[in-house]
Amino acid sequence: MNTSSLNRAGMAGAYKTHGRLFLLCMFLTLAGLALPPQAQAQAYPSRPIKLISPLAAGGTGDTLARQFGAQMAKVLGQPVVIDARPGAGGQVGLEAVAKAPPDGYTLAITASAVVIIPAQRANAGFDALTDFEPIGLVANTSQVLVVNAASQFKTLADLLAYAKANPGRLNYGSSGNGSLTHLNTEMLKQMTGVFIVHVPYRGSTFARNGLLGREVDFVVDGLLPALPLIKDGRFRALGLLDSARSSSAPEIPTIAQAGVKGYASDTWYGLLAPAGTPKEVIQTLHAAAVEAAKSPELRTALAGQGVQLTVSSPAEFRTLLQSEKTRWASVIKFSGAK
């Protein structure tokens, strides 16, 4: 056989081989497409997941992100890497997640800032209901209204009665304009019709110190940092902002129990993915969150920090986001908070 014939034979063999490979690849591709969604989703996750925390470093939310993320990693079999981006009150981190690929590898842990920021800023860069897929509410914590122990006000009723009789004579400190401590107090003003002057500080620590120094008449603060000051007699608690009493301080009545019927502002944290993330991925992440919350070690550690784990379904979390968006838009309009 001459060289030309050998070349032709070799080429024919190569074509046959490539043809078989092509048909095999097509078969495998079609077989993969024929699998039910649950089977296709089994490959997720195949690499580390980034959990962006737009919350202040060292705070309750940031601690929750790290400890809960570590427990989810054990369930998922892949690292959950915390990416702290607390800029602009949470806007920087949340906008990054909203614009991330919807593949389940970039998530956010958020508090109410996800609905508050768009109501305050035209350039927020995201909407809580259209730019994210809810994975689930994962935890609740508490805020409390406190006065200095030397204050004349023994109860919330005392404080509100004075405020009604003396408009503008009382003031309160918050952790900053547009913060949850600011808006929670504005909601109290909205529901009771009192006029109390707002004094914004550069964070909750400064507001707390302002109350210790009697620069302001009261503050709304996180229960966890306020509780030691309540127990050692420097602060007096007038009411918990939650819908129910806290197991960490069952002796403190809620604001509704203290006389403002209908007042309730639970502080919550939840997990979000970018809009368009496949439902199967959301289900995997939700199941991992449910399993993570069952950890006795995690529950004990977070309970000691005033955090109660309570995982909701994605649908329940979406309903919460809808109601929170409506509620805070009303309070922001009333207060003019920017």
C-alpha atoms as a PDB file:
ATOM      1  CA  MET A   1       0.000   0.000   0.000  1.00  0.00           C
ATOM      2  CA  ASN A   2       1.487   3.373  -0.980  1.00  0.00           C
ATOM      3  CA  THR A   3       1.835   6.373   1.320  1.00  0.00           C
ATOM      4  CA  SER A   4      -1.270   8.082  -0.089  1.00  0.00           C
ATOM      5  CA  SER A   5      -3.423   5.039   0.664  1.00  0.00           C
ATOM      6  CA  LEU A   6      -2.039   4.866   4.197  1.00  0.00           C
ATOM      7  CA  ASN A   7      -2.871   8.536   4.759  1.00  0.00           C
ATOM      8  CA  ARG A   8      -6.418   8.034   3.489  1.00  0.00           C
ATOM      9  CA  ALA A   9      -6.895   5.004   5.726  1.00  0.00           C
ATOM     10  CA  GLY A  10      -5.561   6.901   8.729  1.00  0.00           C
ATOM     11  CA  MET A  11      -7.844   9.836   8.075  1.00  0.00           C
ATOM     12  CA  ALA A  12     -10.865   7.541   7.717  1.00  0.00           C
ATOM     13  CA  GLY A  13     -10.034   5.935  11.055  1.00  0.00           C
ATOM     14  CA  ALA A  14      -9.665   9.318  12.702  1.00  0.00           C
ATOM     15  CA  TYR A  15     -13.037  10.451  11.348  1.00  0.00           C
ATOM     16  CA  LYS A  16     -14.672   7.293  12.715  1.00  0.00           C
ATOM     17  CA  THR A  17     -13.060   7.830  16.117  1.00  0.00           C
ATOM     18  CA  HIS A  18     -14.111  11.494  16.258  1.00  0.00           C
ATOM     19  CA  GLY A  19     -17.579  10.508  15.131  1.00  0.00           C
ATOM     20  CA  ARG A  20     -17.921   8.016  17.932  1.00  0.00           C
ATOM     21  CA  LEU A  21     -16.686  10.575  20.463  1.00  0.00           C
ATOM     22  CA  PHE A  22     -19.145  13.145  19.123  1.00  0.00           C
ATOM     23  CA  LEU A  23     -22.039  10.718  19.407  1.00  0.00           C
ATOM     24  CA  LEU A  24     -20.949   9.746  22.938  1.00  0.00           C
ATOM     25  CA  CYS A  25     -20.801  13.410  24.012  1.00  0.00           C
ATOM     26  CA  MET A  26     -24.237  14.051  22.514  1.00  0.00           C
ATOM     27  CA  PHE A  27     -25.636  11.015  24.322  1.00  0.00           C
ATOM     28  CA  LEU A  28     -24.215  12.123  27.674  1.00  0.00           C
ATOM     29  CA  THR A  29     -25.506  15.670  27.178  1.00  0.00           C
ATOM     30  CA  LEU A  30     -29.001  14.495  26.289  1.00  0.00           C
ATOM     31  CA  ALA A  31     -28.946  12.042  29.181  1.00  0.00           C
ATOM     32  CA  GLY A  32     -28.053  14.889  31.540  1.00  0.00           C
ATOM     33  CA  LEU A  33     -30.884  17.028  30.172  1.00  0.00           C
ATOM     34  CA  ALA A  34     -33.268  14.119  30.609  1.00  0.00           C
ATOM     35  CA  LEU A  35     -32.500  13.882  34.319  1.00  0.00           C
ATOM     36  CA  PRO A  36     -35.078  15.385  36.677  1.00  0.00           C
ATOM     37  CA  PRO A  37     -34.129  18.793  38.201  1.00  0.00           C
ATOM     38  CA  GLN A  38     -33.437  17.151  41.570  1.00  0.00           C
ATOM     39  CA  ALA A  39     -30.760  14.915  40.018  1.00  0.00           C
ATOM     40  CA  GLN A  40     -29.170  17.804  38.142  1.00  0.00           C
ATOM     41  CA  ALA A  41     -29.030  19.878  41.342  1.00  0.00           C
ATOM     42  CA  GLN A  42     -27.060  17.167  43.165  1.00  0.00           C
ATOM     43  CA  ALA A  43     -23.846  18.625  41.751  1.00  0.00           C
ATOM     44  CA  TYR A  44     -24.432  21.784  43.805  1.00  0.00           C
ATOM     45  CA  PRO A  45     -22.350  22.906  45.580  1.00  0.00           C
ATOM     46  CA  SER A  46     -19.125  21.866  43.918  1.00  0.00           C
ATOM     47  CA  ARG A  47     -16.961  24.741  45.159  1.00  0.00           C
ATOM     48  CA  PRO A  48     -16.801  27.244  48.051  1.00  0.00           C
ATOM     49  CA  ILE A  49     -19.772  29.555  48.652  1.00  0.00           C
ATOM     50  CA  LYS A  50     -19.248  33.244  49.415  1.00  0.00           C
ATOM     51  CA  LEU A  51     -21.524  34.703  52.109  1.00  0.00           C
ATOM     52  CA  ILE A  52     -21.397  38.505  51.976  1.00  0.00           C
ATOM     53  CA  SER A  53     -22.050  40.175  55.308  1.00  0.00           C
ATOM     54  CA  PRO A  54     -23.047  43.851  54.935  1.00  0.00           C
ATOM     55  CA  LEU A  55     -23.323  44.107  58.730  1.00  0.00           C
ATOM     56  CA  ALA A  56     -20.984  45.959  61.067  1.00  0.00           C
ATOM     57  CA  ALA A  57     -17.852  43.954  61.937  1.00  0.00           C
ATOM     58  CA  GLY A  58     -17.947  42.459  65.421  1.00  0.00           C
ATOM     59  CA  GLY A  59     -21.682  43.060  65.851  1.00  0.00           C
ATOM     60  CA  THR A  60     -24.394  40.496  66.499  1.00  0.00           C
ATOM     61  CA  GLY A  61     -25.173  40.040  62.794  1.00  0.00           C
ATOM     62  CA  ASP A  62     -21.537  39.606  61.830  1.00  0.00           C
ATOM     63  CA  THR A  63     -21.060  37.023  64.589  1.00  0.00           C
ATOM     64  CA  LEU A  64     -24.183  35.202  63.415  1.00  0.00           C
ATOM     65  CA  ALA A  65     -22.886  35.153  59.818  1.00  0.00           C
ATOM     66  CA  ARG A  66     -19.600  33.551  60.819  1.00  0.00           C
ATOM     67  CA  GLN A  67     -20.994  30.946  63.202  1.00  0.00           C
ATOM     68  CA  PHE A  68     -24.036  30.038  61.113  1.00  0.00           C
ATOM     69  CA  GLY A  69     -21.975  29.983  57.914  1.00  0.00           C
ATOM     70  CA  ALA A  70     -19.475  27.592  59.486  1.00  0.00           C
ATOM     71  CA  GLN A  71     -22.291  25.229  60.470  1.00  0.00           C
ATOM     72  CA  MET A  72     -23.852  25.377  56.991  1.00  0.00           C
ATOM     73  CA  ALA A  73     -20.458  24.493  55.515  1.00  0.00           C
ATOM     74  CA  LYS A  74     -20.479  21.236  57.492  1.00  0.00           C
ATOM     75  CA  VAL A  75     -23.883  20.357  56.051  1.00  0.00           C
ATOM     76  CA  LEU A  76     -23.073  21.360  52.462  1.00  0.00           C
ATOM     77  CA  GLY A  77     -19.623  19.810  52.368  1.00  0.00           C
ATOM     78  CA  GLN A  78     -18.079  22.999  50.960  1.00  0.00           C
ATOM     79  CA  PRO A  79     -16.491  26.012  52.698  1.00  0.00           C
ATOM     80  CA  VAL A  80     -18.735  29.028  53.325  1.00  0.00           C
ATOM     81  CA  VAL A  81     -16.382  31.992  53.094  1.00  0.00           C
ATOM     82  CA  ILE A  82     -17.450  35.181  54.885  1.00  0.00           C
ATOM     83  CA  ASP A  83     -16.902  38.356  52.841  1.00  0.00           C
ATOM     84  CA  ALA A  84     -17.441  41.371  55.130  1.00  0.00           C
ATOM     85  CA  ARG A  85     -18.667  44.452  53.215  1.00  0.00           C
ATOM     86  CA  PRO A  86     -20.329  46.791  55.731  1.00  0.00           C
ATOM     87  CA  GLY A  87     -20.103  50.043  53.731  1.00  0.00           C
ATOM     88  CA  ALA A  88     -22.918  52.619  53.421  1.00  0.00           C
ATOM     89  CA  GLY A  89     -25.049  51.006  56.093  1.00  0.00           C
ATOM     90  CA  GLY A  90     -25.148  47.714  54.206  1.00  0.00           C
ATOM     91  CA  GLN A  91     -25.769  49.070  50.703  1.00  0.00           C
ATOM     92  CA  VAL A  92     -22.337  48.059  49.357  1.00  0.00           C
ATOM     93  CA  GLY A  93     -22.644  44.390  50.290  1.00  0.00           C
ATOM     94  CA  LEU A  94     -26.295  43.999  49.313  1.00  0.00           C
ATOM     95  CA  GLU A  95     -25.774  45.638  45.921  1.00  0.00           C
ATOM     96  CA  ALA A  96     -22.856  43.267  45.256  1.00  0.00           C
ATOM     97  CA  VAL A  97     -25.076  40.240  45.886  1.00  0.00           C
ATOM     98  CA  ALA A  98     -27.924  41.643  43.781  1.00  0.00           C
ATOM     99  CA  LYS A  99     -25.521  41.931  40.819  1.00  0.00           C
ATOM    100  CA  ALA A 100     -23.761  38.580  41.350  1.00  0.00           C
ATOM    101  CA  PRO A 101     -24.327  35.568  39.043  1.00  0.00           C
ATOM    102  CA  PRO A 102     -27.475  33.666  40.142  1.00  0.00           C
ATOM    103  CA  ASP A 103     -25.664  30.376  40.621  1.00  0.00           C
ATOM    104  CA  GLY A 104     -25.860  29.906  44.392  1.00  0.00           C
ATOM    105  CA  TYR A 105     -22.197  30.745  45.030  1.00  0.00           C
ATOM    106  CA  THR A 106     -22.749  34.333  46.254  1.00  0.00           C
ATOM    107  CA  LEU A 107     -25.226  34.874  49.102  1.00  0.00           C
ATOM    108  CA  ALA A 108     -26.088  37.622  51.582  1.00  0.00           C
ATOM    109  CA  ILE A 109     -26.999  37.616  55.233  1.00  0.00           C
ATOM    110  CA  THR A 110     -29.139  40.647  55.920  1.00  0.00           C
ATOM    111  CA  ALA A 111     -31.251  42.437  58.462  1.00  0.00           C
ATOM    112  CA  SER A 112     -33.998  45.002  57.774  1.00  0.00           C
ATOM    113  CA  ALA A 113     -31.516  47.239  55.926  1.00  0.00           C
ATOM    114  CA  VAL A 114     -32.457  45.379  52.737  1.00  0.00           C
ATOM    115  CA  VAL A 115     -35.902  47.025  52.828  1.00  0.00           C
ATOM    116  CA  ILE A 116     -34.930  50.256  54.623  1.00  0.00           C
ATOM    117  CA  ILE A 117     -32.126  51.377  52.293  1.00  0.00           C
ATOM    118  CA  PRO A 118     -34.206  51.454  49.058  1.00  0.00           C
ATOM    119  CA  ALA A 119     -36.922  53.429  50.882  1.00  0.00           C
ATOM    120  CA  GLN A 120     -34.360  56.063  51.900  1.00  0.00           C
ATOM    121  CA  ARG A 121     -32.082  56.243  48.860  1.00  0.00           C
ATOM    122  CA  ALA A 122     -32.976  56.605  45.194  1.00  0.00           C
ATOM    123  CA  ASN A 123     -29.601  55.104  44.215  1.00  0.00           C
ATOM    124  CA  ALA A 124     -29.797  51.996  46.398  1.00  0.00           C
ATOM    125  CA  GLY A 125     -29.038  49.733  43.436  1.00  0.00           C
ATOM    126  CA  PHE A 126     -31.431  46.965  44.497  1.00  0.00           C
ATOM    127  CA  ASP A 127     -34.978  46.152  45.539  1.00  0.00           C
ATOM    128  CA  ALA A 128     -35.623  43.582  48.257  1.00  0.00           C
ATOM    129  CA  LEU A 129     -38.406  41.833  46.368  1.00  0.00           C
ATOM    130  CA  THR A 130     -37.204  41.872  42.759  1.00  0.00           C
ATOM    131  CA  ASP A 131     -33.408  41.553  43.014  1.00  0.00           C
ATOM    132  CA  PHE A 132     -33.147  38.677  45.490  1.00  0.00           C
ATOM    133  CA  GLU A 133     -34.401  35.137  46.050  1.00  0.00           C
ATOM    134  CA  PRO A 134     -35.265  34.549  49.735  1.00  0.00           C
ATOM    135  CA  ILE A 135     -33.639  31.460  51.256  1.00  0.00           C
ATOM    136  CA  GLY A 136     -35.123  31.879  54.702  1.00  0.00           C
ATOM    137  CA  LEU A 137     -35.267  33.863  57.891  1.00  0.00           C
ATOM    138  CA  VAL A 138     -32.641  32.340  60.178  1.00  0.00           C
ATOM    139  CA  ALA A 139     -32.589  34.251  63.471  1.00  0.00           C
ATOM    140  CA  ASN A 140     -34.159  36.882  65.712  1.00  0.00           C
ATOM    141  CA  THR A 141     -32.655  39.154  68.302  1.00  0.00           C
ATOM    142  CA  SER A 142     -34.048  41.988  70.428  1.00  0.00           C
ATOM    143  CA  GLN A 143     -33.872  45.718  71.005  1.00  0.00           C
ATOM    144  CA  VAL A 144     -34.840  47.461  74.212  1.00  0.00           C
ATOM    145  CA  LEU A 145     -35.796  51.008  75.230  1.00  0.00           C
ATOM    146  CA  VAL A 146     -33.655  52.080  78.192  1.00  0.00           C
ATOM    147  CA  VAL A 147     -33.219  55.173  80.362  1.00  0.00           C
ATOM    148  CA  ASN A 148     -30.448  56.098  82.725  1.00  0.00           C
ATOM    149  CA  ALA A 149     -31.024  54.549  86.170  1.00  0.00           C
ATOM    150  CA  ALA A 150     -31.141  58.074  87.635  1.00  0.00           C
ATOM    151  CA  SER A 151     -33.999  59.068  85.311  1.00  0.00           C
ATOM    152  CA  GLN A 152     -37.321  60.220  86.767  1.00  0.00           C
ATOM    153  CA  PHE A 153     -39.122  57.805  84.425  1.00  0.00           C
ATOM    154  CA  LYS A 154     -39.890  54.464  86.061  1.00  0.00           C
ATOM    155  CA  THR A 155     -42.162  53.128  83.304  1.00  0.00           C
ATOM    156  CA  LEU A 156     -42.820  53.718  79.638  1.00  0.00           C
ATOM    157  CA  ALA A 157     -46.187  55.230  80.569  1.00  0.00           C
ATOM    158  CA  ASP A 158     -44.345  57.828  82.703  1.00  0.00           C
ATOM    159  CA  LEU A 159     -42.075  58.769  79.798  1.00  0.00           C
ATOM    160  CA  LEU A 160     -44.880  59.056  77.240  1.00  0.00           C
ATOM    161  CA  ALA A 161     -47.102  61.063  79.588  1.00  0.00           C
ATOM    162  CA  TYR A 162     -44.282  63.580  80.106  1.00  0.00           C
ATOM    163  CA  ALA A 163     -43.571  63.720  76.364  1.00  0.00           C
ATOM    164  CA  LYS A 164     -47.237  64.472  75.585  1.00  0.00           C
ATOM    165  CA  ALA A 165     -47.392  67.204  78.204  1.00  0.00           C
ATOM    166  CA  ASN A 166     -44.019  68.684  77.180  1.00  0.00           C
ATOM    167  CA  PRO A 167     -43.548  68.464  73.373  1.00  0.00           C
ATOM    168  CA  GLY A 168     -39.896  68.746  72.357  1.00  0.00           C
ATOM    169  CA  ARG A 169     -38.542  68.688  75.919  1.00  0.00           C
ATOM    170  CA  LEU A 170     -37.278  65.094  75.710  1.00  0.00           C
ATOM    171  CA  ASN A 171     -34.618  63.761  73.365  1.00  0.00           C
ATOM    172  CA  TYR A 172     -33.385  60.322  72.421  1.00  0.00           C
ATOM    173  CA  GLY A 173     -30.145  58.959  71.031  1.00  0.00           C
ATOM    174  CA  SER A 174     -29.788  56.571  68.111  1.00  0.00           C
ATOM    175  CA  SER A 175     -26.932  54.853  66.309  1.00  0.00           C
ATOM    176  CA  GLY A 176     -27.408  57.209  63.354  1.00  0.00           C
ATOM    177  CA  ASN A 177     -29.872  58.687  60.862  1.00  0.00           C
ATOM    178  CA  GLY A 178     -31.890  55.966  59.165  1.00  0.00           C
ATOM    179  CA  SER A 179     -30.651  53.255  61.511  1.00  0.00           C
ATOM    180  CA  LEU A 180     -33.025  50.706  62.980  1.00  0.00           C
ATOM    181  CA  THR A 181     -32.701  52.288  66.436  1.00  0.00           C
ATOM    182  CA  HIS A 182     -33.738  55.619  64.874  1.00  0.00           C
ATOM    183  CA  LEU A 183     -36.680  54.201  62.910  1.00  0.00           C
ATOM    184  CA  ASN A 184     -37.936  52.038  65.781  1.00  0.00           C
ATOM    185  CA  THR A 185     -38.200  55.150  67.955  1.00  0.00           C
ATOM    186  CA  GLU A 186     -39.828  57.131  65.158  1.00  0.00           C
ATOM    187  CA  MET A 187     -42.425  54.366  64.857  1.00  0.00           C
ATOM    188  CA  LEU A 188     -43.104  54.748  68.591  1.00  0.00           C
ATOM    189  CA  LYS A 189     -43.578  58.496  68.062  1.00  0.00           C
ATOM    190  CA  GLN A 190     -45.833  57.857  65.071  1.00  0.00           C
ATOM    191  CA  MET A 191     -48.066  55.482  67.052  1.00  0.00           C
ATOM    192  CA  THR A 192     -48.305  57.660  70.184  1.00  0.00           C
ATOM    193  CA  GLY A 193     -48.357  61.152  68.664  1.00  0.00           C
ATOM    194  CA  VAL A 194     -45.546  62.513  70.841  1.00  0.00           C
ATOM    195  CA  PHE A 195     -42.790  64.879  69.726  1.00  0.00           C
ATOM    196  CA  ILE A 196     -39.338  63.860  70.970  1.00  0.00           C
ATOM    197  CA  VAL A 197     -36.096  65.280  69.552  1.00  0.00           C
ATOM    198  CA  HIS A 198     -33.738  62.908  67.748  1.00  0.00           C
ATOM    199  CA  VAL A 199     -30.008  63.011  68.551  1.00  0.00           C
ATOM    200  CA  PRO A 200     -28.072  60.820  66.071  1.00  0.00           C
ATOM    201  CA  TYR A 201     -24.723  59.403  67.176  1.00  0.00           C
ATOM    202  CA  ARG A 202     -21.982  57.729  65.102  1.00  0.00           C
ATOM    203  CA  GLY A 203     -22.952  54.259  66.260  1.00  0.00           C
ATOM    204  CA  SER A 204     -24.704  52.409  69.066  1.00  0.00           C
ATOM    205  CA  THR A 205     -21.667  52.517  71.371  1.00  0.00           C
ATOM    206  CA  PHE A 206     -21.628  56.334  71.250  1.00  0.00           C
ATOM    207  CA  ALA A 207     -25.397  56.497  71.854  1.00  0.00           C
ATOM    208  CA  ARG A 208     -25.035  54.138  74.809  1.00  0.00           C
ATOM    209  CA  ASN A 209     -22.268  56.300  76.264  1.00  0.00           C
ATOM    210  CA  GLY A 210     -24.432  59.366  75.674  1.00  0.00           C
ATOM    211  CA  LEU A 211     -27.141  57.859  77.847  1.00  0.00           C
ATOM    212  CA  LEU A 212     -24.620  56.914  80.524  1.00  0.00           C
ATOM    213  CA  GLY A 213     -23.489  60.551  80.533  1.00  0.00           C
ATOM    214  CA  ARG A 214     -27.150  61.750  80.547  1.00  0.00           C
ATOM    215  CA  GLU A 215     -26.709  63.642  77.285  1.00  0.00           C
ATOM    216  CA  VAL A 216     -30.030  62.137  76.148  1.00  0.00           C
ATOM    217  CA  ASP A 217     -33.153  60.982  77.961  1.00  0.00           C
ATOM    218  CA  PHE A 218     -33.343  57.487  76.458  1.00  0.00           C
ATOM    219  CA  VAL A 219     -32.044  55.239  73.709  1.00  0.00           C
ATOM    220  CA  VAL A 220     -33.177  52.145  71.875  1.00  0.00           C
ATOM    221  CA  ASP A 221     -30.310  49.663  72.035  1.00  0.00           C
ATOM    222  CA  GLY A 222     -29.585  46.017  71.337  1.00  0.00           C
ATOM    223  CA  LEU A 223     -30.627  43.853  74.280  1.00  0.00           C
ATOM    224  CA  LEU A 224     -27.304  42.011  74.307  1.00  0.00           C
ATOM    225  CA  PRO A 225     -25.032  45.059  74.879  1.00  0.00           C
ATOM    226  CA  ALA A 226     -27.604  46.797  77.107  1.00  0.00           C
ATOM    227  CA  LEU A 227     -28.309  43.842  79.391  1.00  0.00           C
ATOM    228  CA  PRO A 228     -25.088  44.051  81.482  1.00  0.00           C
ATOM    229  CA  LEU A 229     -25.800  47.754  82.110  1.00  0.00           C
ATOM    230  CA  ILE A 230     -29.377  46.918  83.105  1.00  0.00           C
ATOM    231  CA  LYS A 231     -28.254  44.171  85.463  1.00  0.00           C
ATOM    232  CA  ASP A 232     -25.582  46.267  87.178  1.00  0.00           C
ATOM    233  CA  GLY A 233     -28.073  49.095  87.791  1.00  0.00           C
ATOM    234  CA  ARG A 234     -26.838  51.758  85.365  1.00  0.00           C
ATOM    235  CA  PHE A 235     -29.742  51.447  82.901  1.00  0.00           C
ATOM    236  CA  ARG A 236     -33.456  50.884  83.499  1.00  0.00           C
ATOM    237  CA  ALA A 237     -35.361  48.949  80.849  1.00  0.00           C
ATOM    238  CA  LEU A 238     -38.826  50.348  80.028  1.00  0.00           C
ATOM    239  CA  GLY A 239     -39.814  47.999  77.239  1.00  0.00           C
ATOM    240  CA  LEU A 240     -38.685  45.388  74.763  1.00  0.00           C
ATOM    241  CA  LEU A 241     -39.466  46.241  71.143  1.00  0.00           C
ATOM    242  CA  ASP A 242     -40.246  42.640  70.139  1.00  0.00           C
ATOM    243  CA  SER A 243     -43.638  40.997  69.748  1.00  0.00           C
ATOM    244  CA  ALA A 244     -42.823  38.690  72.691  1.00  0.00           C
ATOM    245  CA  ARG A 245     -40.645  38.747  75.795  1.00  0.00           C
ATOM    246  CA  SER A 246     -37.078  37.505  75.552  1.00  0.00           C
ATOM    247  CA  SER A 247     -35.859  34.375  77.300  1.00  0.00           C
ATOM    248  CA  SER A 248     -32.652  36.331  78.022  1.00  0.00           C
ATOM    249  CA  ALA A 249     -34.594  38.879  80.104  1.00  0.00           C
ATOM    250  CA  PRO A 250     -38.143  37.622  80.747  1.00  0.00           C
ATOM    251  CA  GLU A 251     -38.741  40.278  83.392  1.00  0.00           C
ATOM    252  CA  ILE A 252     -38.760  43.079  80.767  1.00  0.00           C
ATOM    253  CA  PRO A 253     -42.244  43.701  79.308  1.00  0.00           C
ATOM    254  CA  THR A 254     -42.733  44.378  75.618  1.00  0.00           C
ATOM    255  CA  ILE A 255     -43.662  47.908  74.597  1.00  0.00           C
ATOM    256  CA  ALA A 256     -47.114  46.622  73.703  1.00  0.00           C
ATOM    257  CA  GLN A 257     -47.457  45.160  77.207  1.00  0.00           C
ATOM    258  CA  ALA A 258     -46.184  48.449  78.639  1.00  0.00           C
ATOM    259  CA  GLY A 259     -49.095  50.316  77.070  1.00  0.00           C
ATOM    260  CA  VAL A 260     -48.529  50.930  73.335  1.00  0.00           C
ATOM    261  CA  LYS A 261     -50.889  48.341  71.883  1.00  0.00           C
ATOM    262  CA  GLY A 262     -49.931  47.023  68.468  1.00  0.00           C
ATOM    263  CA  TYR A 263     -46.280  48.048  68.705  1.00  0.00           C
ATOM    264  CA  ALA A 264     -43.891  45.280  67.668  1.00  0.00           C
ATOM    265  CA  SER A 265     -40.549  45.450  65.898  1.00  0.00           C
ATOM    266  CA  ASP A 266     -38.675  42.176  65.832  1.00  0.00           C
ATOM    267  CA  THR A 267     -35.024  42.364  64.824  1.00  0.00           C
ATOM    268  CA  TRP A 268     -34.372  39.608  62.301  1.00  0.00           C
ATOM    269  CA  TYR A 269     -31.657  38.164  60.068  1.00  0.00           C
ATOM    270  CA  GLY A 270     -32.147  36.191  56.871  1.00  0.00           C
ATOM    271  CA  LEU A 271     -30.330  34.663  53.912  1.00  0.00           C
ATOM    272  CA  LEU A 272     -30.735  35.884  50.319  1.00  0.00           C
ATOM    273  CA  ALA A 273     -29.454  34.820  46.896  1.00  0.00           C
ATOM    274  CA  PRO A 274     -29.482  36.833  43.649  1.00  0.00           C
ATOM    275  CA  ALA A 275     -32.768  36.849  41.723  1.00  0.00           C
ATOM    276  CA  GLY A 276     -32.920  34.018  39.217  1.00  0.00           C
ATOM    277  CA  THR A 277     -31.060  31.481  41.344  1.00  0.00           C
ATOM    278  CA  PRO A 278     -32.516  28.048  40.472  1.00  0.00           C
ATOM    279  CA  LYS A 279     -35.225  26.766  42.796  1.00  0.00           C
ATOM    280  CA  GLU A 280     -33.310  23.526  43.340  1.00  0.00           C
ATOM    281  CA  VAL A 281     -30.315  25.499  44.634  1.00  0.00           C
ATOM    282  CA  ILE A 282     -32.541  27.568  46.930  1.00  0.00           C
ATOM    283  CA  GLN A 283     -34.033  24.339  48.284  1.00  0.00           C
ATOM    284  CA  THR A 284     -30.556  22.919  48.938  1.00  0.00           C
ATOM    285  CA  LEU A 285     -29.487  26.060  50.781  1.00  0.00           C
ATOM    286  CA  HIS A 286     -32.701  26.205  52.801  1.00  0.00           C
ATOM    287  CA  ALA A 287     -32.332  22.565  53.829  1.00  0.00           C
ATOM    288  CA  ALA A 288     -28.748  23.280  54.901  1.00  0.00           C
ATOM    289  CA  ALA A 289     -29.913  26.250  56.984  1.00  0.00           C
ATOM    290  CA  VAL A 290     -32.538  24.082  58.696  1.00  0.00           C
ATOM    291  CA  GLU A 291     -29.907  21.456  59.542  1.00  0.00           C
ATOM    292  CA  ALA A 292     -27.403  24.085  60.711  1.00  0.00           C
ATOM    293  CA  ALA A 293     -29.981  25.561  63.101  1.00  0.00           C
ATOM    294  CA  LYS A 294     -30.412  22.148  64.768  1.00  0.00           C
ATOM    295  CA  SER A 295     -26.834  22.194  66.090  1.00  0.00           C
ATOM    296  CA  PRO A 296     -27.007  22.215  69.922  1.00  0.00           C
ATOM    297  CA  GLU A 297     -23.579  23.866  70.124  1.00  0.00           C
ATOM    298  CA  LEU A 298     -24.606  26.655  67.748  1.00  0.00           C
ATOM    299  CA  ARG A 299     -27.931  27.255  69.489  1.00  0.00           C
ATOM    300  CA  THR A 300     -26.244  27.472  72.887  1.00  0.00           C
ATOM    301  CA  ALA A 301     -23.485  29.789  71.637  1.00  0.00           C
ATOM    302  CA  LEU A 302     -25.905  32.184  69.939  1.00  0.00           C
ATOM    303  CA  ALA A 303     -28.448  32.130  72.761  1.00  0.00           C
ATOM    304  CA  GLY A 304     -25.673  33.421  75.002  1.00  0.00           C
ATOM    305  CA  GLN A 305     -25.409  36.370  72.609  1.00  0.00           C
ATOM    306  CA  GLY A 306     -29.140  37.083  72.627  1.00  0.00           C
ATOM    307  CA  VAL A 307     -29.820  35.381  69.271  1.00  0.00           C
ATOM    308  CA  GLN A 308     -32.677  32.903  68.794  1.00  0.00           C
ATOM    309  CA  LEU A 309     -32.413  30.618  65.750  1.00  0.00           C
ATOM    310  CA  THR A 310     -35.685  30.278  63.856  1.00  0.00           C
ATOM    311  CA  VAL A 311     -35.547  29.183  60.206  1.00  0.00           C
ATOM    312  CA  SER A 312     -38.537  30.033  58.004  1.00  0.00           C
ATOM    313  CA  SER A 313     -39.373  28.816  54.520  1.00  0.00           C
ATOM    314  CA  PRO A 314     -38.396  30.933  51.485  1.00  0.00           C
ATOM    315  CA  ALA A 315     -42.076  31.816  50.954  1.00  0.00           C
ATOM    316  CA  GLU A 316     -42.499  32.917  54.581  1.00  0.00           C
ATOM    317  CA  PHE A 317     -39.378  35.056  54.343  1.00  0.00           C
ATOM    318  CA  ARG A 318     -40.700  36.717  51.153  1.00  0.00           C
ATOM    319  CA  THR A 319     -43.940  37.534  52.979  1.00  0.00           C
ATOM    320  CA  LEU A 320     -41.936  39.085  55.818  1.00  0.00           C
ATOM    321  CA  LEU A 321     -39.930  41.189  53.350  1.00  0.00           C
ATOM    322  CA  GLN A 322     -43.153  42.441  51.763  1.00  0.00           C
ATOM    323  CA  SER A 323     -44.671  43.469  55.101  1.00  0.00           C
ATOM    324  CA  GLU A 324     -41.415  45.032  56.314  1.00  0.00           C
ATOM    325  CA  LYS A 325     -41.088  47.038  53.090  1.00  0.00           C
ATOM    326  CA  THR A 326     -44.576  48.503  53.586  1.00  0.00           C
ATOM    327  CA  ARG A 327     -44.065  49.177  57.282  1.00  0.00           C
ATOM    328  CA  TRP A 328     -40.720  50.925  57.022  1.00  0.00           C
ATOM    329  CA  ALA A 329     -41.776  53.004  54.010  1.00  0.00           C
ATOM    330  CA  SER A 330     -44.529  54.477  56.194  1.00  0.00           C
ATOM    331  CA  VAL A 331     -42.178  55.191  59.112  1.00  0.00           C
ATOM    332  CA  ILE A 332     -39.532  56.715  56.818  1.00  0.00           C
ATOM    333  CA  LYS A 333     -42.129  58.996  55.221  1.00  0.00           C
ATOM    334  CA  PHE A 334     -43.336  60.061  58.679  1.00  0.00           C
ATOM    335  CA  SER A 335     -39.827  60.749  60.016  1.00  0.00           C
ATOM    336  CA  GLY A 336     -38.228  62.114  56.846  1.00  0.00           C
ATOM    337  CA  ALA A 337     -35.223  59.891  57.596  1.00  0.00           C
ATOM    338  CA  LYS A 338     -32.431  60.044  55.013  1.00  0.00           C
END
